[in-house]
C-alpha atoms as a PDB file:
ATOM      1  CA  MET A   1      45.836 302.221  82.825  1.00  0.00           C
ATOM      2  CA  SER A   2      48.932 302.716  84.935  1.00  0.00           C
ATOM      3  CA  PRO A   3      52.130 300.833  84.040  1.00  0.00           C
ATOM      4  CA  LEU A   4      51.915 298.965  87.345  1.00  0.00           C
ATOM      5  CA  GLU A   5      48.313 297.795  86.893  1.00  0.00           C
ATOM      6  CA  THR A   6      48.154 294.027  87.360  1.00  0.00           C
ATOM      7  CA  ILE A   7      45.277 291.864  86.196  1.00  0.00           C
ATOM      8  CA  SER A   8      44.914 288.135  86.797  1.00  0.00           C
ATOM      9  CA  THR A   9      43.624 285.797  84.142  1.00  0.00           C
ATOM     10  CA  ARG A  10      43.339 282.036  83.817  1.00  0.00           C
ATOM     11  CA  VAL A  11      44.938 279.646  81.341  1.00  0.00           C
ATOM     12  CA  ALA A  12      42.168 277.779  79.518  1.00  0.00           C
ATOM     13  CA  ALA A  13      42.214 274.581  77.494  1.00  0.00           C
ATOM     14  CA  GLY A  14      44.842 274.576  74.782  1.00  0.00           C
ATOM     15  CA  GLY A  15      46.912 277.194  76.624  1.00  0.00           C
ATOM     16  CA  ARG A  16      44.539 280.021  75.750  1.00  0.00           C
ATOM     17  CA  ILE A  17      44.566 283.168  77.847  1.00  0.00           C
ATOM     18  CA  VAL A  18      42.300 286.177  77.721  1.00  0.00           C
ATOM     19  CA  ILE A  19      44.033 289.512  77.230  1.00  0.00           C
ATOM     20  CA  PRO A  20      41.939 292.085  79.100  1.00  0.00           C
ATOM     21  CA  VAL A  21      40.294 294.755  76.956  1.00  0.00           C
ATOM     22  CA  SER A  22      42.263 297.582  78.592  1.00  0.00           C
ATOM     23  CA  TYR A  23      45.513 295.858  77.608  1.00  0.00           C
ATOM     24  CA  ARG A  24      44.301 295.166  74.058  1.00  0.00           C
ATOM     25  CA  LYS A  25      43.272 298.805  73.642  1.00  0.00           C
ATOM     26  CA  ALA A  26      46.608 300.050  75.004  1.00  0.00           C
ATOM     27  CA  LEU A  27      48.469 297.821  72.514  1.00  0.00           C
ATOM     28  CA  GLY A  28      46.087 298.449  69.616  1.00  0.00           C
ATOM     29  CA  ILE A  29      45.336 294.723  69.313  1.00  0.00           C
ATOM     30  CA  LYS A  30      42.086 293.673  67.666  1.00  0.00           C
ATOM     31  CA  PRO A  31      40.536 290.213  67.172  1.00  0.00           C
ATOM     32  CA  GLY A  32      42.393 288.351  64.424  1.00  0.00           C
ATOM     33  CA  ASP A  33      45.594 290.389  64.795  1.00  0.00           C
ATOM     34  CA  ASP A  34      48.914 288.570  64.984  1.00  0.00           C
ATOM     35  CA  ILE A  35      50.981 289.182  68.084  1.00  0.00           C
ATOM     36  CA  VAL A  36      54.583 288.455  68.995  1.00  0.00           C
ATOM     37  CA  LEU A  37      55.534 286.759  72.265  1.00  0.00           C
ATOM     38  CA  GLN A  38      59.024 286.944  73.717  1.00  0.00           C
ATOM     39  CA  LEU A  39      60.266 284.902  76.672  1.00  0.00           C
ATOM     40  CA  GLU A  40      62.607 287.083  78.689  1.00  0.00           C
ATOM     41  CA  GLU A  41      63.986 286.419  82.162  1.00  0.00           C
ATOM     42  CA  GLY A  42      61.103 284.127  83.099  1.00  0.00           C
ATOM     43  CA  ALA A  43      58.415 286.513  81.836  1.00  0.00           C
ATOM     44  CA  ILE A  44      56.384 286.639  78.639  1.00  0.00           C
ATOM     45  CA  ARG A  45      56.417 289.956  76.796  1.00  0.00           C
ATOM     46  CA  LEU A  46      53.620 290.528  74.311  1.00  0.00           C
ATOM     47  CA  TYR A  47      53.875 292.923  71.364  1.00  0.00           C
ATOM     48  CA  SER A  48      51.661 293.851  68.472  1.00  0.00           C
ATOM     49  CA  ARG A  49      53.302 293.136  65.095  1.00  0.00           C
ATOM     50  CA  ALA A  50      53.806 296.879  64.575  1.00  0.00           C
ATOM     51  CA  GLN A  51      55.510 297.259  67.962  1.00  0.00           C
ATOM     52  CA  ALA A  52      57.742 294.240  67.349  1.00  0.00           C
ATOM     53  CA  LEU A  53      58.773 295.644  63.956  1.00  0.00           C
ATOM     54  CA  ARG A  54      59.564 299.067  65.462  1.00  0.00           C
ATOM     55  CA  ARG A  55      61.664 297.448  68.208  1.00  0.00           C
ATOM     56  CA  LEU A  56      63.598 295.420  65.641  1.00  0.00           C
ATOM     57  CA  GLN A  57      64.182 298.467  63.442  1.00  0.00           C
ATOM     58  CA  GLU A  58      65.469 300.407  66.462  1.00  0.00           C
ATOM     59  CA  ARG A  59      67.889 297.591  67.362  1.00  0.00           C
ATOM     60  CA  VAL A  60      69.225 297.413  63.810  1.00  0.00           C
ATOM     61  CA  ALA A  61      69.564 301.218  63.640  1.00  0.00           C
ATOM     62  CA  ARG A  62      71.653 301.193  66.839  1.00  0.00           C
ATOM     63  CA  ALA A  63      73.881 298.400  65.480  1.00  0.00           C
ATOM     64  CA  VAL A  64      74.600 299.984  62.084  1.00  0.00           C
ATOM     65  CA  PRO A  65      77.119 302.842  62.078  1.00  0.00           C
ATOM     66  CA  LYS A  66      75.910 306.240  60.845  1.00  0.00           C
ATOM     67  CA  GLY A  67      76.390 306.690  57.114  1.00  0.00           C
ATOM     68  CA  VAL A  68      76.477 302.950  56.382  1.00  0.00           C
ATOM     69  CA  SER A  69      73.877 301.626  53.941  1.00  0.00           C
ATOM     70  CA  LEU A  70      73.107 297.950  54.458  1.00  0.00           C
ATOM     71  CA  VAL A  71      71.549 297.881  51.000  1.00  0.00           C
ATOM     72  CA  ASN A  72      74.773 299.134  49.394  1.00  0.00           C
ATOM     73  CA  GLU A  73      76.815 296.659  51.473  1.00  0.00           C
ATOM     74  CA  LEU A  74      74.602 293.798  50.267  1.00  0.00           C
ATOM     75  CA  ILE A  75      74.817 294.899  46.630  1.00  0.00           C
ATOM     76  CA  ARG A  76      78.617 295.169  46.868  1.00  0.00           C
ATOM     77  CA  ASP A  77      78.819 291.676  48.429  1.00  0.00           C
ATOM     78  CA  ARG A  78      76.557 290.155  45.771  1.00  0.00           C
ATOM     79  CA  ARG A  79      78.545 291.722  42.937  1.00  0.00           C
ATOM     80  CA  ALA A  80      81.815 290.451  44.434  1.00  0.00           C
ATOM     81  CA  GLU A  81      80.316 286.934  44.711  1.00  0.00           C
ATOM     82  CA  ALA A  82      79.119 287.098  41.097  1.00  0.00           C
ATOM     83  CA  ARG A  83      82.597 288.077  39.883  1.00  0.00           C
ATOM     84  CA  ARG A  84      84.153 285.144  41.805  1.00  0.00           C
ATOM     85  CA  GLY A  85      81.511 282.652  40.799  1.00  0.00           C
END
């Protein structure tokens, strides 16, 4: 499947749409799997849960400076709150 392949589908009752098998295979989506939808610039982006998690982890990794441990930051904050409280 090329990245520019376009397939039409129809919206059924209840807003249901059929995701073509080639798309499901490319995304690793199976019946019963949860998916994540994102509305972006007038388009719907669809991700498997695993893909959505990877994207989120990548965004967090880019936002956190090298050598900084968010776990250690949280522990330090909690201990400071406990001392004040």
